[in-house]
Amino acid sequence: MAKAKNVNVTVIELQKGLDIFFKDQDRFPSVEEFSDTNVLLTYFSKLPDNVSKNSNCLANFDYKRVSAKNYELDFCLATNLGNFKKGWNKISEHK
């Protein structure tokens, strides 16, 4: 349960950082920018650890920029947590 809560907190922080990036750039980051620590440390205090594993998932996060004003963030939880289910979940933002 603690790992699922950790992932959930990270998802909330990622959403905040993506919103700040959007406000500064009038677009969401590309996949390359999202993967570049030097670019994103301006917007995030800590980048997600994409190598944490649990019995359900080989990774915890997958970011996709669908368009300059639309992204999808998939994330995996070890257990049900709030409105999110055990396994892969998806959130998206459209501006």
C-alpha atoms as a PDB file:
ATOM      1  CA  MET A   1       0.000   0.000   0.000  1.00  0.00           C
ATOM      2  CA  ALA A   2       2.868   2.413   0.775  1.00  0.00           C
ATOM      3  CA  LYS A   3       4.299   2.044  -2.731  1.00  0.00           C
ATOM      4  CA  ALA A   4       0.875   2.747  -4.259  1.00  0.00           C
ATOM      5  CA  LYS A   5       0.550   5.906  -2.130  1.00  0.00           C
ATOM      6  CA  ASN A   6       4.044   6.950  -3.198  1.00  0.00           C
ATOM      7  CA  VAL A   7       3.120   6.577  -6.874  1.00  0.00           C
ATOM      8  CA  ASN A   8      -0.141   8.483  -6.314  1.00  0.00           C
ATOM      9  CA  VAL A   9       1.701  11.393  -4.638  1.00  0.00           C
ATOM     10  CA  THR A  10       4.209  11.429  -7.499  1.00  0.00           C
ATOM     11  CA  VAL A  11       1.362  11.527 -10.052  1.00  0.00           C
ATOM     12  CA  ILE A  12      -0.121  14.571  -8.296  1.00  0.00           C
ATOM     13  CA  GLU A  13       3.286  16.281  -8.299  1.00  0.00           C
ATOM     14  CA  LEU A  14       3.783  15.421 -11.976  1.00  0.00           C
ATOM     15  CA  GLN A  15       0.443  16.987 -12.848  1.00  0.00           C
ATOM     16  CA  LYS A  16       1.438  20.176 -11.000  1.00  0.00           C
ATOM     17  CA  GLY A  17       4.812  20.312 -12.759  1.00  0.00           C
ATOM     18  CA  LEU A  18       3.223  19.693 -16.163  1.00  0.00           C
ATOM     19  CA  ASP A  19       0.773  22.522 -15.512  1.00  0.00           C
ATOM     20  CA  ILE A  20       3.627  24.881 -14.593  1.00  0.00           C
ATOM     21  CA  PHE A  21       5.515  23.846 -17.748  1.00  0.00           C
ATOM     22  CA  PHE A  22       2.360  24.564 -19.779  1.00  0.00           C
ATOM     23  CA  LYS A  23       1.948  28.012 -18.197  1.00  0.00           C
ATOM     24  CA  ASP A  24       5.578  28.879 -19.033  1.00  0.00           C
ATOM     25  CA  GLN A  25       5.736  27.345 -22.517  1.00  0.00           C
ATOM     26  CA  ASP A  26       2.084  27.337 -23.716  1.00  0.00           C
ATOM     27  CA  ARG A  27       2.509  23.635 -24.437  1.00  0.00           C
ATOM     28  CA  PHE A  28       3.255  20.409 -22.628  1.00  0.00           C
ATOM     29  CA  PRO A  29       6.780  18.960 -22.775  1.00  0.00           C
ATOM     30  CA  SER A  30       7.741  16.568 -25.531  1.00  0.00           C
ATOM     31  CA  VAL A  31       8.606  13.010 -24.525  1.00  0.00           C
ATOM     32  CA  GLU A  32      12.282  13.922 -24.954  1.00  0.00           C
ATOM     33  CA  GLU A  33      11.925  16.953 -22.647  1.00  0.00           C
ATOM     34  CA  PHE A  34      10.003  14.860 -20.106  1.00  0.00           C
ATOM     35  CA  SER A  35      12.925  12.417 -20.105  1.00  0.00           C
ATOM     36  CA  ASP A  36      15.606  15.133 -19.834  1.00  0.00           C
ATOM     37  CA  THR A  37      16.485  15.785 -16.204  1.00  0.00           C
ATOM     38  CA  ASN A  38      18.165  19.103 -17.050  1.00  0.00           C
ATOM     39  CA  VAL A  39      14.991  20.462 -18.657  1.00  0.00           C
ATOM     40  CA  LEU A  40      12.457  19.244 -16.130  1.00  0.00           C
ATOM     41  CA  LEU A  41      14.195  19.958 -12.847  1.00  0.00           C
ATOM     42  CA  THR A  42      12.986  23.530 -13.365  1.00  0.00           C
ATOM     43  CA  TYR A  43       9.398  22.263 -13.039  1.00  0.00           C
ATOM     44  CA  PHE A  44       9.725  19.207 -10.787  1.00  0.00           C
ATOM     45  CA  SER A  45      11.538  18.812  -7.498  1.00  0.00           C
ATOM     46  CA  LYS A  46      11.928  15.086  -8.200  1.00  0.00           C
ATOM     47  CA  LEU A  47      11.460  13.187 -11.422  1.00  0.00           C
ATOM     48  CA  PRO A  48       9.628   9.853 -11.317  1.00  0.00           C
ATOM     49  CA  ASP A  49      11.609   6.709 -10.771  1.00  0.00           C
ATOM     50  CA  ASN A  50      10.524   4.699 -13.788  1.00  0.00           C
ATOM     51  CA  VAL A  51      12.438   1.599 -12.762  1.00  0.00           C
ATOM     52  CA  SER A  52      10.588   0.804  -9.530  1.00  0.00           C
ATOM     53  CA  LYS A  53       8.933  -2.560 -10.000  1.00  0.00           C
ATOM     54  CA  ASN A  54       6.092  -4.336  -8.304  1.00  0.00           C
ATOM     55  CA  SER A  55       4.279  -7.579  -9.019  1.00  0.00           C
ATOM     56  CA  ASN A  56       1.858  -5.821 -11.401  1.00  0.00           C
ATOM     57  CA  CYS A  57       4.166  -3.562 -13.368  1.00  0.00           C
ATOM     58  CA  LEU A  58       7.661  -3.479 -14.772  1.00  0.00           C
ATOM     59  CA  ALA A  59       7.619   0.345 -14.667  1.00  0.00           C
ATOM     60  CA  ASN A  60       5.482   2.913 -12.882  1.00  0.00           C
ATOM     61  CA  PHE A  61       5.089   5.751 -15.400  1.00  0.00           C
ATOM     62  CA  ASP A  62       4.627   6.294 -19.123  1.00  0.00           C
ATOM     63  CA  TYR A  63       4.254   9.857 -20.444  1.00  0.00           C
ATOM     64  CA  LYS A  64       2.908  10.652 -23.922  1.00  0.00           C
ATOM     65  CA  ARG A  65       2.365  14.074 -25.444  1.00  0.00           C
ATOM     66  CA  VAL A  66      -0.565  13.593 -27.811  1.00  0.00           C
ATOM     67  CA  SER A  67      -0.329  17.197 -29.041  1.00  0.00           C
ATOM     68  CA  ALA A  68       1.212  20.439 -27.811  1.00  0.00           C
ATOM     69  CA  LYS A  69      -1.865  20.978 -25.602  1.00  0.00           C
ATOM     70  CA  ASN A  70      -2.686  17.389 -24.665  1.00  0.00           C
ATOM     71  CA  TYR A  71      -0.833  14.708 -22.715  1.00  0.00           C
ATOM     72  CA  GLU A  72      -1.511  11.263 -21.275  1.00  0.00           C
ATOM     73  CA  LEU A  73       0.187   9.904 -18.196  1.00  0.00           C
ATOM     74  CA  ASP A  74      -0.137   6.198 -17.522  1.00  0.00           C
ATOM     75  CA  PHE A  75       0.878   4.922 -14.108  1.00  0.00           C
ATOM     76  CA  CYS A  76       0.827   1.599 -12.347  1.00  0.00           C
ATOM     77  CA  LEU A  77      -0.202   0.900  -8.760  1.00  0.00           C
ATOM     78  CA  ALA A  78       0.521  -2.158  -6.655  1.00  0.00           C
ATOM     79  CA  THR A  79      -2.953  -1.979  -5.095  1.00  0.00           C
ATOM     80  CA  ASN A  80      -6.254  -0.095  -5.418  1.00  0.00           C
ATOM     81  CA  LEU A  81      -5.949   3.465  -4.129  1.00  0.00           C
ATOM     82  CA  GLY A  82      -8.801   5.968  -4.018  1.00  0.00           C
ATOM     83  CA  ASN A  83     -10.363   6.222  -7.481  1.00  0.00           C
ATOM     84  CA  PHE A  84      -7.450   4.351  -9.055  1.00  0.00           C
ATOM     85  CA  LYS A  85      -7.299   0.605  -9.516  1.00  0.00           C
ATOM     86  CA  LYS A  86      -4.542  -1.912  -9.042  1.00  0.00           C
ATOM     87  CA  GLY A  87      -2.467  -2.080 -12.225  1.00  0.00           C
ATOM     88  CA  TRP A  88      -2.321   0.524 -14.987  1.00  0.00           C
ATOM     89  CA  ASN A  89      -4.318   3.776 -14.806  1.00  0.00           C
ATOM     90  CA  LYS A  90      -4.459   6.727 -17.180  1.00  0.00           C
ATOM     91  CA  ILE A  91      -4.948  10.439 -16.689  1.00  0.00           C
ATOM     92  CA  SER A  92      -4.955  13.011 -19.450  1.00  0.00           C
ATOM     93  CA  GLU A  93      -5.034  16.764 -19.764  1.00  0.00           C
ATOM     94  CA  HIS A  94      -6.438  18.837 -22.601  1.00  0.00           C
ATOM     95  CA  LYS A  95      -5.927  22.609 -22.736  1.00  0.00           C
END
